[in-house]
């Protein structure tokens, strides 16, 4: 067991020493009041990610996301999403990419007055984005839109293409 742990430690050190591994993520908070405070919805999200740069064009990564939605019915969602990234254009400090991946997750619905339920989510889709190099070791990443399908068992199936401000994701 000690040899295995030592081998894993050496492998991780060699990956980070070659600067091929990157970490990032995003944090989100939103409050909407479409019809006043009684209809208020609060959404909080934290989404760390880790990736590995295979070459100048291709990267692979893993995104973990936890989202909490507070309204009449509280929703807690956890998603695990491995993805591949294709870097298709570079202009100065801007690097344009397309993320494609799968999503597996769980959503827990808890009504304030009734029982709670849990549902499994599956998805497959693509998101365009841009990474702006702020320095040699720091970049600002923005993704918007989504083309794909999301299935929440026993609740809904969503398929579509969306590009709007609500689908914007910023991260470092």
N, C-alpha and C. Protein backbone atom coordinates (compact mmCIF):
# COMPACT_ATOMS: atom_id res chain seq x y z
N UNK A 1 0.82 -1.19 0.00
CA UNK A 1 0.00 0.00 0.00
C UNK A 1 0.87 1.26 0.00
N UNK A 2 1.98 1.23 0.76
CA UNK A 2 2.86 2.39 0.80
C UNK A 2 3.48 2.66 -0.57
N UNK A 3 3.83 1.59 -1.30
CA UNK A 3 4.42 1.76 -2.63
C UNK A 3 3.39 2.38 -3.58
N UNK A 4 2.14 1.95 -3.47
CA UNK A 4 1.08 2.50 -4.31
C UNK A 4 0.89 3.98 -4.03
N UNK A 5 0.80 4.37 -2.76
CA UNK A 5 0.63 5.78 -2.41
C UNK A 5 1.83 6.61 -2.85
N UNK A 6 3.03 6.06 -2.73
CA UNK A 6 4.23 6.76 -3.19
C UNK A 6 4.19 6.96 -4.71
N UNK A 7 3.74 5.94 -5.43
CA UNK A 7 3.64 6.04 -6.89
C UNK A 7 2.61 7.10 -7.30
N UNK A 8 1.48 7.15 -6.59
CA UNK A 8 0.46 8.16 -6.88
C UNK A 8 1.02 9.55 -6.59
N UNK A 9 1.74 9.72 -5.49
CA UNK A 9 2.33 11.02 -5.14
C UNK A 9 3.33 11.46 -6.20
N UNK A 10 4.18 10.54 -6.67
CA UNK A 10 5.16 10.87 -7.71
C UNK A 10 4.45 11.24 -9.01
N UNK A 11 3.40 10.51 -9.36
CA UNK A 11 2.65 10.81 -10.59
C UNK A 11 2.00 12.19 -10.50
N UNK A 12 1.40 12.53 -9.38
CA UNK A 12 0.76 13.83 -9.22
C UNK A 12 1.80 14.95 -9.28
N UNK A 13 2.95 14.75 -8.66
CA UNK A 13 4.01 15.77 -8.69
C UNK A 13 4.52 15.97 -10.11
N UNK A 14 4.66 14.88 -10.85
CA UNK A 14 5.16 15.01 -12.22
C UNK A 14 4.13 15.70 -13.12
N UNK A 15 2.84 15.46 -12.88
CA UNK A 15 1.81 16.13 -13.67
C UNK A 15 1.82 17.63 -13.41
N UNK A 16 1.87 18.02 -12.14
CA UNK A 16 1.84 19.44 -11.82
C UNK A 16 3.15 20.13 -12.18
N UNK A 17 4.26 19.42 -12.15
CA UNK A 17 5.55 20.01 -12.50
C UNK A 17 5.60 20.36 -13.98
N UNK A 18 4.92 19.61 -14.82
CA UNK A 18 4.94 19.90 -16.24
C UNK A 18 3.89 20.94 -16.63
N UNK A 19 3.17 21.48 -15.65
CA UNK A 19 2.18 22.55 -15.85
C UNK A 19 1.07 22.13 -16.80
N UNK A 20 0.74 20.88 -16.86
CA UNK A 20 -0.35 20.40 -17.69
C UNK A 20 -1.68 20.35 -16.95
N UNK A 21 -1.63 20.38 -15.62
CA UNK A 21 -2.84 20.31 -14.80
C UNK A 21 -3.30 21.72 -14.48
N UNK A 22 -4.59 21.96 -14.59
CA UNK A 22 -5.14 23.26 -14.21
C UNK A 22 -6.33 23.05 -13.29
N UNK A 23 -6.55 24.00 -12.42
CA UNK A 23 -7.71 24.00 -11.53
C UNK A 23 -8.44 25.32 -11.69
N UNK A 24 -9.72 25.30 -11.45
CA UNK A 24 -10.51 26.51 -11.58
C UNK A 24 -11.88 26.30 -10.97
N UNK A 25 -12.77 27.15 -11.34
CA UNK A 25 -14.12 27.01 -10.84
C UNK A 25 -14.85 28.32 -10.86
N UNK A 26 -16.09 28.26 -10.40
CA UNK A 26 -16.92 29.46 -10.34
C UNK A 26 -17.85 29.37 -9.14
N UNK A 27 -18.30 30.54 -8.72
CA UNK A 27 -19.26 30.67 -7.62
C UNK A 27 -20.35 31.58 -8.13
N UNK A 28 -21.60 31.23 -7.86
CA UNK A 28 -22.71 32.05 -8.33
C UNK A 28 -23.74 32.32 -7.26
N UNK A 29 -24.36 33.49 -7.36
CA UNK A 29 -25.43 33.87 -6.44
C UNK A 29 -26.40 34.76 -7.21
N UNK A 30 -27.69 34.45 -7.15
CA UNK A 30 -28.69 35.25 -7.86
C UNK A 30 -29.99 35.27 -7.06
N UNK A 31 -30.65 36.42 -7.09
CA UNK A 31 -31.98 36.57 -6.48
C UNK A 31 -32.87 37.21 -7.53
N UNK A 32 -34.02 36.60 -7.79
CA UNK A 32 -34.99 37.17 -8.72
C UNK A 32 -36.30 37.39 -8.00
N UNK A 33 -36.95 38.51 -8.29
CA UNK A 33 -38.26 38.87 -7.72
C UNK A 33 -39.19 39.27 -8.85
N UNK A 34 -39.73 38.32 -9.63
CA UNK A 34 -40.55 38.70 -10.78
C UNK A 34 -41.85 39.41 -10.40
N UNK A 35 -42.42 39.07 -9.25
CA UNK A 35 -43.70 39.68 -8.85
C UNK A 35 -43.64 40.18 -7.42
N UNK A 36 -42.48 40.59 -6.95
CA UNK A 36 -42.35 41.09 -5.59
C UNK A 36 -41.69 40.07 -4.67
N UNK A 37 -41.45 40.44 -3.40
CA UNK A 37 -40.72 39.57 -2.47
C UNK A 37 -41.37 38.21 -2.22
N UNK A 38 -42.68 38.10 -2.37
CA UNK A 38 -43.35 36.82 -2.11
C UNK A 38 -42.97 35.76 -3.14
N UNK A 39 -42.56 36.19 -4.34
CA UNK A 39 -42.19 35.23 -5.39
C UNK A 39 -40.68 35.15 -5.56
N UNK A 40 -39.93 35.56 -4.57
CA UNK A 40 -38.48 35.61 -4.64
C UNK A 40 -37.88 34.20 -4.77
N UNK A 41 -36.88 34.09 -5.65
CA UNK A 41 -36.13 32.85 -5.82
C UNK A 41 -34.65 33.17 -5.63
N UNK A 42 -33.97 32.41 -4.78
CA UNK A 42 -32.54 32.58 -4.54
C UNK A 42 -31.81 31.34 -5.03
N UNK A 43 -30.75 31.55 -5.80
CA UNK A 43 -29.96 30.44 -6.34
C UNK A 43 -28.50 30.67 -5.96
N UNK A 44 -27.88 29.66 -5.35
CA UNK A 44 -26.46 29.70 -5.01
C UNK A 44 -25.77 28.49 -5.63
N UNK A 45 -24.61 28.72 -6.26
CA UNK A 45 -23.89 27.65 -6.94
C UNK A 45 -22.40 27.74 -6.63
N UNK A 46 -21.79 26.59 -6.44
CA UNK A 46 -20.33 26.49 -6.35
C UNK A 46 -19.92 25.35 -7.28
N UNK A 47 -18.92 25.62 -8.14
CA UNK A 47 -18.56 24.64 -9.17
C UNK A 47 -17.04 24.60 -9.39
N UNK A 48 -16.31 23.84 -8.57
CA UNK A 48 -14.88 23.68 -8.83
C UNK A 48 -14.64 22.72 -10.00
N UNK A 49 -13.52 22.92 -10.70
CA UNK A 49 -13.17 22.02 -11.79
C UNK A 49 -11.66 21.81 -11.83
N UNK A 50 -11.27 20.68 -12.39
CA UNK A 50 -9.87 20.35 -12.57
C UNK A 50 -9.72 19.78 -13.98
N UNK A 51 -8.59 20.07 -14.60
CA UNK A 51 -8.40 19.60 -15.96
C UNK A 51 -6.95 19.26 -16.25
N UNK A 52 -6.75 18.63 -17.38
CA UNK A 52 -5.43 18.24 -17.84
C UNK A 52 -5.30 18.61 -19.31
N UNK A 53 -4.26 19.35 -19.64
CA UNK A 53 -4.03 19.78 -21.02
C UNK A 53 -3.26 18.69 -21.75
N UNK A 54 -3.91 18.05 -22.72
CA UNK A 54 -3.28 16.98 -23.49
C UNK A 54 -2.30 17.54 -24.53
N UNK A 55 -2.71 18.61 -25.23
CA UNK A 55 -1.87 19.30 -26.20
C UNK A 55 -2.45 20.70 -26.40
N UNK A 56 -2.03 21.41 -27.43
CA UNK A 56 -2.51 22.79 -27.64
C UNK A 56 -4.00 22.85 -27.98
N UNK A 57 -4.55 21.80 -28.54
CA UNK A 57 -5.96 21.81 -28.96
C UNK A 57 -6.90 21.10 -27.99
N UNK A 58 -6.46 20.07 -27.30
CA UNK A 58 -7.36 19.23 -26.52
C UNK A 58 -7.03 19.24 -25.03
N UNK A 59 -8.10 19.27 -24.22
CA UNK A 59 -8.00 19.17 -22.77
C UNK A 59 -9.12 18.26 -22.27
N UNK A 60 -8.92 17.64 -21.12
CA UNK A 60 -9.98 16.87 -20.47
C UNK A 60 -10.13 17.43 -19.06
N UNK A 61 -11.33 17.29 -18.50
CA UNK A 61 -11.53 17.83 -17.17
C UNK A 61 -12.71 17.20 -16.46
N UNK A 62 -12.88 17.64 -15.22
CA UNK A 62 -13.97 17.16 -14.37
C UNK A 62 -14.53 18.36 -13.62
N UNK A 63 -15.83 18.53 -13.71
CA UNK A 63 -16.53 19.62 -13.04
C UNK A 63 -17.45 19.03 -11.98
N UNK A 64 -17.39 19.57 -10.77
CA UNK A 64 -18.31 19.23 -9.70
C UNK A 64 -19.15 20.47 -9.44
N UNK A 65 -20.45 20.31 -9.36
CA UNK A 65 -21.31 21.48 -9.13
C UNK A 65 -22.34 21.17 -8.06
N UNK A 66 -22.48 22.10 -7.15
CA UNK A 66 -23.54 22.01 -6.14
C UNK A 66 -24.36 23.28 -6.24
N UNK A 67 -25.67 23.12 -6.39
CA UNK A 67 -26.58 24.24 -6.53
C UNK A 67 -27.70 24.12 -5.52
N UNK A 68 -28.03 25.23 -4.89
CA UNK A 68 -29.17 25.28 -3.96
C UNK A 68 -30.12 26.35 -4.45
N UNK A 69 -31.40 25.99 -4.56
CA UNK A 69 -32.45 26.91 -5.01
C UNK A 69 -33.48 27.01 -3.90
N UNK A 70 -33.77 28.24 -3.49
CA UNK A 70 -34.73 28.46 -2.40
C UNK A 70 -35.93 29.24 -2.95
N UNK A 71 -37.10 28.63 -2.85
CA UNK A 71 -38.36 29.26 -3.25
C UNK A 71 -39.44 28.60 -2.42
N UNK A 72 -40.60 28.31 -3.00
CA UNK A 72 -41.64 27.57 -2.28
C UNK A 72 -41.17 26.15 -1.99
N UNK A 73 -40.42 25.61 -2.95
CA UNK A 73 -39.86 24.28 -2.82
C UNK A 73 -38.35 24.41 -2.91
N UNK A 74 -37.62 23.92 -1.92
CA UNK A 74 -36.16 24.02 -1.92
C UNK A 74 -35.58 22.87 -2.73
N UNK A 75 -34.58 23.19 -3.53
CA UNK A 75 -33.93 22.18 -4.38
C UNK A 75 -32.43 22.23 -4.10
N UNK A 76 -31.86 21.08 -3.82
CA UNK A 76 -30.41 20.93 -3.72
C UNK A 76 -30.00 19.96 -4.81
N UNK A 77 -29.04 20.38 -5.62
CA UNK A 77 -28.59 19.56 -6.74
C UNK A 77 -27.08 19.39 -6.68
N UNK A 78 -26.62 18.19 -7.00
CA UNK A 78 -25.19 17.90 -7.08
C UNK A 78 -24.94 17.21 -8.41
N UNK A 79 -23.97 17.73 -9.18
CA UNK A 79 -23.66 17.18 -10.48
C UNK A 79 -22.18 16.86 -10.59
N UNK A 80 -21.87 15.79 -11.28
CA UNK A 80 -20.52 15.38 -11.63
C UNK A 80 -20.49 15.35 -13.15
N UNK A 81 -19.56 16.10 -13.75
CA UNK A 81 -19.56 16.23 -15.19
C UNK A 81 -18.15 16.14 -15.78
N UNK A 82 -17.74 14.96 -16.25
CA UNK A 82 -16.48 14.88 -17.00
C UNK A 82 -16.69 15.50 -18.39
N UNK A 83 -15.66 16.19 -18.89
CA UNK A 83 -15.82 16.87 -20.18
C UNK A 83 -14.52 16.86 -20.95
N UNK A 84 -14.66 17.10 -22.24
CA UNK A 84 -13.53 17.31 -23.13
C UNK A 84 -13.62 18.72 -23.67
N UNK A 85 -12.48 19.34 -23.88
CA UNK A 85 -12.45 20.73 -24.38
C UNK A 85 -11.61 20.78 -25.64
N UNK A 86 -12.19 21.38 -26.67
CA UNK A 86 -11.46 21.60 -27.93
C UNK A 86 -11.20 23.10 -28.08
N UNK A 87 -9.94 23.49 -28.11
CA UNK A 87 -9.54 24.89 -28.31
C UNK A 87 -9.44 25.12 -29.81
N UNK A 88 -10.39 25.89 -30.37
CA UNK A 88 -10.44 26.00 -31.82
C UNK A 88 -9.87 27.29 -32.39
N UNK A 89 -9.66 28.32 -31.57
CA UNK A 89 -9.09 29.56 -32.10
C UNK A 89 -8.39 30.33 -31.00
N UNK A 90 -7.36 31.07 -31.40
CA UNK A 90 -6.62 31.90 -30.45
C UNK A 90 -6.41 33.26 -31.10
N UNK A 91 -6.70 34.33 -30.34
CA UNK A 91 -6.50 35.69 -30.83
C UNK A 91 -5.90 36.51 -29.69
N UNK A 92 -4.60 36.71 -29.74
CA UNK A 92 -3.92 37.44 -28.67
C UNK A 92 -4.00 36.67 -27.36
N UNK A 93 -4.59 37.29 -26.34
CA UNK A 93 -4.71 36.63 -25.04
C UNK A 93 -5.99 35.82 -24.91
N UNK A 94 -6.85 35.86 -25.94
CA UNK A 94 -8.13 35.14 -25.91
C UNK A 94 -7.99 33.77 -26.57
N UNK A 95 -8.52 32.75 -25.89
CA UNK A 95 -8.51 31.39 -26.41
C UNK A 95 -9.96 30.90 -26.45
N UNK A 96 -10.51 30.63 -27.63
CA UNK A 96 -11.89 30.21 -27.79
C UNK A 96 -11.97 28.69 -27.78
N UNK A 97 -12.98 28.15 -27.07
CA UNK A 97 -13.08 26.70 -26.91
C UNK A 97 -14.53 26.24 -26.95
N UNK A 98 -14.69 24.93 -27.06
CA UNK A 98 -15.99 24.27 -26.99
C UNK A 98 -15.86 23.11 -26.02
N UNK A 99 -16.65 23.14 -24.95
CA UNK A 99 -16.69 22.05 -23.97
C UNK A 99 -17.81 21.09 -24.35
N UNK A 100 -17.53 19.81 -24.31
CA UNK A 100 -18.55 18.79 -24.53
C UNK A 100 -18.41 17.73 -23.47
N UNK A 101 -19.54 17.35 -22.87
CA UNK A 101 -19.42 16.37 -21.81
C UNK A 101 -20.73 15.74 -21.42
N UNK A 102 -20.63 14.88 -20.44
CA UNK A 102 -21.79 14.21 -19.88
C UNK A 102 -22.01 14.73 -18.46
N UNK A 103 -23.22 14.56 -17.98
CA UNK A 103 -23.58 15.03 -16.64
C UNK A 103 -24.34 13.93 -15.94
N UNK A 104 -23.96 13.65 -14.71
CA UNK A 104 -24.67 12.71 -13.87
C UNK A 104 -24.87 13.42 -12.53
N UNK A 105 -26.07 13.36 -12.03
CA UNK A 105 -26.30 14.08 -10.77
C UNK A 105 -27.54 13.63 -10.05
N UNK A 106 -27.78 14.31 -8.95
CA UNK A 106 -28.96 14.04 -8.16
C UNK A 106 -29.58 15.36 -7.73
N UNK A 107 -30.88 15.41 -7.69
CA UNK A 107 -31.62 16.59 -7.24
C UNK A 107 -32.56 16.18 -6.13
N UNK A 108 -32.49 16.90 -5.03
CA UNK A 108 -33.36 16.65 -3.89
C UNK A 108 -34.34 17.81 -3.75
N UNK A 109 -35.64 17.51 -3.85
CA UNK A 109 -36.69 18.51 -3.72
C UNK A 109 -37.29 18.38 -2.33
N UNK A 110 -37.37 19.49 -1.61
CA UNK A 110 -37.94 19.47 -0.25
C UNK A 110 -38.95 20.58 -0.13
N UNK A 111 -40.23 20.22 -0.13
CA UNK A 111 -41.30 21.19 0.08
C UNK A 111 -41.35 21.53 1.57
N UNK A 112 -41.66 22.77 1.87
CA UNK A 112 -41.71 23.19 3.28
C UNK A 112 -42.82 22.51 4.06
N UNK A 113 -43.84 22.00 3.38
CA UNK A 113 -44.99 21.43 4.08
C UNK A 113 -45.22 19.95 3.80
N UNK A 114 -44.51 19.41 2.81
CA UNK A 114 -44.73 18.02 2.40
C UNK A 114 -43.39 17.29 2.45
N UNK A 115 -43.40 16.04 2.08
CA UNK A 115 -42.18 15.22 2.09
C UNK A 115 -41.16 15.68 1.05
N UNK A 116 -39.97 15.13 1.14
CA UNK A 116 -38.93 15.44 0.15
C UNK A 116 -38.80 14.28 -0.82
N UNK A 117 -38.30 14.58 -2.03
CA UNK A 117 -38.09 13.57 -3.06
C UNK A 117 -36.70 13.73 -3.64
N UNK A 118 -36.19 12.66 -4.19
CA UNK A 118 -34.88 12.70 -4.83
C UNK A 118 -35.00 12.15 -6.25
N UNK A 119 -34.32 12.80 -7.19
CA UNK A 119 -34.34 12.39 -8.59
C UNK A 119 -32.92 12.37 -9.15
N UNK A 120 -32.70 11.48 -10.09
CA UNK A 120 -31.40 11.37 -10.75
C UNK A 120 -31.43 12.14 -12.05
N UNK A 121 -30.32 12.80 -12.38
CA UNK A 121 -30.20 13.59 -13.61
C UNK A 121 -29.12 12.99 -14.51
N UNK A 122 -29.39 13.02 -15.81
CA UNK A 122 -28.42 12.60 -16.82
C UNK A 122 -28.43 13.66 -17.92
N UNK A 123 -27.28 13.97 -18.46
CA UNK A 123 -27.24 14.96 -19.52
C UNK A 123 -26.07 14.74 -20.46
N UNK A 124 -26.18 15.35 -21.61
CA UNK A 124 -25.14 15.32 -22.64
C UNK A 124 -25.26 16.62 -23.40
N UNK A 125 -24.14 17.37 -23.53
CA UNK A 125 -24.24 18.64 -24.23
C UNK A 125 -22.92 19.33 -24.47
N UNK A 126 -23.04 20.52 -25.08
CA UNK A 126 -21.90 21.33 -25.48
C UNK A 126 -22.10 22.77 -25.04
N UNK A 127 -20.99 23.44 -24.67
CA UNK A 127 -21.01 24.86 -24.30
C UNK A 127 -19.81 25.57 -24.92
N UNK A 128 -20.03 26.69 -25.62
CA UNK A 128 -18.90 27.47 -26.12
C UNK A 128 -18.37 28.39 -25.02
N UNK A 129 -17.09 28.76 -25.15
CA UNK A 129 -16.51 29.65 -24.16
C UNK A 129 -15.24 30.31 -24.65
N UNK A 130 -14.73 31.19 -23.79
CA UNK A 130 -13.49 31.90 -24.07
C UNK A 130 -12.70 31.99 -22.77
N UNK A 131 -11.39 31.84 -22.89
CA UNK A 131 -10.49 32.01 -21.75
C UNK A 131 -9.55 33.16 -22.07
N UNK A 132 -9.53 34.15 -21.18
CA UNK A 132 -8.66 35.32 -21.34
C UNK A 132 -7.47 35.14 -20.41
N UNK A 133 -6.27 35.14 -20.95
CA UNK A 133 -5.06 34.99 -20.14
C UNK A 133 -4.73 36.29 -19.43
N UNK A 134 -4.93 36.34 -18.11
CA UNK A 134 -4.62 37.53 -17.33
C UNK A 134 -3.14 37.61 -16.98
N UNK A 135 -2.52 36.45 -16.81
CA UNK A 135 -1.09 36.35 -16.57
C UNK A 135 -0.66 34.96 -17.03
N UNK A 136 0.58 34.61 -16.76
CA UNK A 136 1.07 33.30 -17.18
C UNK A 136 0.36 32.16 -16.45
N UNK A 137 -0.10 32.42 -15.21
CA UNK A 137 -0.71 31.37 -14.40
C UNK A 137 -2.16 31.63 -14.04
N UNK A 138 -2.80 32.67 -14.58
CA UNK A 138 -4.17 33.01 -14.20
C UNK A 138 -4.96 33.43 -15.43
N UNK A 139 -6.18 32.90 -15.54
CA UNK A 139 -7.04 33.25 -16.66
C UNK A 139 -8.47 33.42 -16.21
N UNK A 140 -9.22 34.24 -16.94
CA UNK A 140 -10.64 34.44 -16.72
C UNK A 140 -11.38 33.67 -17.79
N UNK A 141 -12.32 32.83 -17.38
CA UNK A 141 -13.03 31.96 -18.30
C UNK A 141 -14.51 32.32 -18.29
N UNK A 142 -15.12 32.39 -19.47
CA UNK A 142 -16.55 32.65 -19.60
C UNK A 142 -17.15 31.62 -20.54
N UNK A 143 -18.28 31.04 -20.13
CA UNK A 143 -19.02 30.11 -20.97
C UNK A 143 -20.46 30.58 -21.02
N UNK A 144 -21.11 30.42 -22.17
CA UNK A 144 -22.51 30.79 -22.28
C UNK A 144 -23.23 29.81 -23.18
N UNK A 145 -24.53 29.73 -22.98
CA UNK A 145 -25.33 28.86 -23.82
C UNK A 145 -25.18 27.40 -23.47
N UNK A 146 -25.96 26.58 -24.16
CA UNK A 146 -25.93 25.14 -23.96
C UNK A 146 -26.70 24.49 -25.09
N UNK A 147 -26.12 23.49 -25.69
CA UNK A 147 -26.80 22.68 -26.70
C UNK A 147 -26.75 21.25 -26.21
N UNK A 148 -27.90 20.69 -25.88
CA UNK A 148 -27.88 19.33 -25.39
C UNK A 148 -29.20 18.88 -24.83
N UNK A 149 -29.13 17.82 -24.06
CA UNK A 149 -30.31 17.22 -23.46
C UNK A 149 -30.03 16.99 -21.98
N UNK A 150 -31.04 17.22 -21.15
CA UNK A 150 -30.96 16.95 -19.72
C UNK A 150 -32.22 16.20 -19.32
N UNK A 151 -32.05 15.05 -18.67
CA UNK A 151 -33.17 14.23 -18.23
C UNK A 151 -33.14 14.14 -16.71
N UNK A 152 -34.21 14.57 -16.07
CA UNK A 152 -34.38 14.40 -14.63
C UNK A 152 -35.44 13.33 -14.48
N UNK A 153 -35.07 12.16 -13.94
CA UNK A 153 -35.98 11.02 -13.89
C UNK A 153 -37.28 11.37 -13.19
N UNK A 154 -38.38 10.96 -13.79
CA UNK A 154 -39.74 11.15 -13.29
C UNK A 154 -40.17 12.61 -13.18
N UNK A 155 -39.38 13.55 -13.73
CA UNK A 155 -39.76 14.96 -13.62
C UNK A 155 -39.83 15.62 -15.00
N UNK A 156 -38.70 15.67 -15.72
CA UNK A 156 -38.69 16.42 -16.98
C UNK A 156 -37.55 15.96 -17.87
N UNK A 157 -37.72 16.22 -19.16
CA UNK A 157 -36.66 16.07 -20.14
C UNK A 157 -36.55 17.39 -20.88
N UNK A 158 -35.36 17.97 -20.88
CA UNK A 158 -35.14 19.24 -21.56
C UNK A 158 -34.17 19.01 -22.70
N UNK A 159 -34.51 19.55 -23.86
CA UNK A 159 -33.61 19.51 -25.00
C UNK A 159 -33.64 20.88 -25.63
N UNK A 160 -32.49 21.38 -26.00
CA UNK A 160 -32.56 22.67 -26.66
C UNK A 160 -31.22 23.34 -26.83
N UNK A 161 -31.33 24.54 -27.37
CA UNK A 161 -30.21 25.41 -27.61
C UNK A 161 -30.53 26.72 -26.94
N UNK A 162 -29.65 27.16 -26.07
CA UNK A 162 -29.90 28.42 -25.39
C UNK A 162 -28.63 29.25 -25.33
N UNK A 163 -28.73 30.51 -25.75
CA UNK A 163 -27.63 31.45 -25.61
C UNK A 163 -28.25 32.73 -25.07
N UNK A 164 -28.05 32.98 -23.78
CA UNK A 164 -28.58 34.19 -23.17
C UNK A 164 -27.76 34.54 -21.94
N UNK A 165 -28.04 35.68 -21.34
CA UNK A 165 -27.29 36.14 -20.18
C UNK A 165 -27.46 35.27 -18.97
N UNK A 166 -28.60 34.59 -18.85
CA UNK A 166 -28.83 33.73 -17.71
C UNK A 166 -27.97 32.48 -17.74
N UNK A 167 -27.49 32.10 -18.92
CA UNK A 167 -26.65 30.91 -19.05
C UNK A 167 -25.17 31.25 -18.99
N UNK A 168 -24.83 32.50 -18.66
CA UNK A 168 -23.43 32.92 -18.60
C UNK A 168 -22.77 32.40 -17.34
N UNK A 169 -21.58 31.84 -17.49
CA UNK A 169 -20.79 31.34 -16.37
C UNK A 169 -19.41 31.95 -16.44
N UNK A 170 -18.97 32.58 -15.34
CA UNK A 170 -17.65 33.17 -15.26
C UNK A 170 -16.84 32.43 -14.22
N UNK A 171 -15.57 32.25 -14.47
CA UNK A 171 -14.71 31.56 -13.50
C UNK A 171 -13.26 31.95 -13.68
N UNK A 172 -12.46 31.61 -12.69
CA UNK A 172 -11.02 31.85 -12.73
C UNK A 172 -10.29 30.53 -12.75
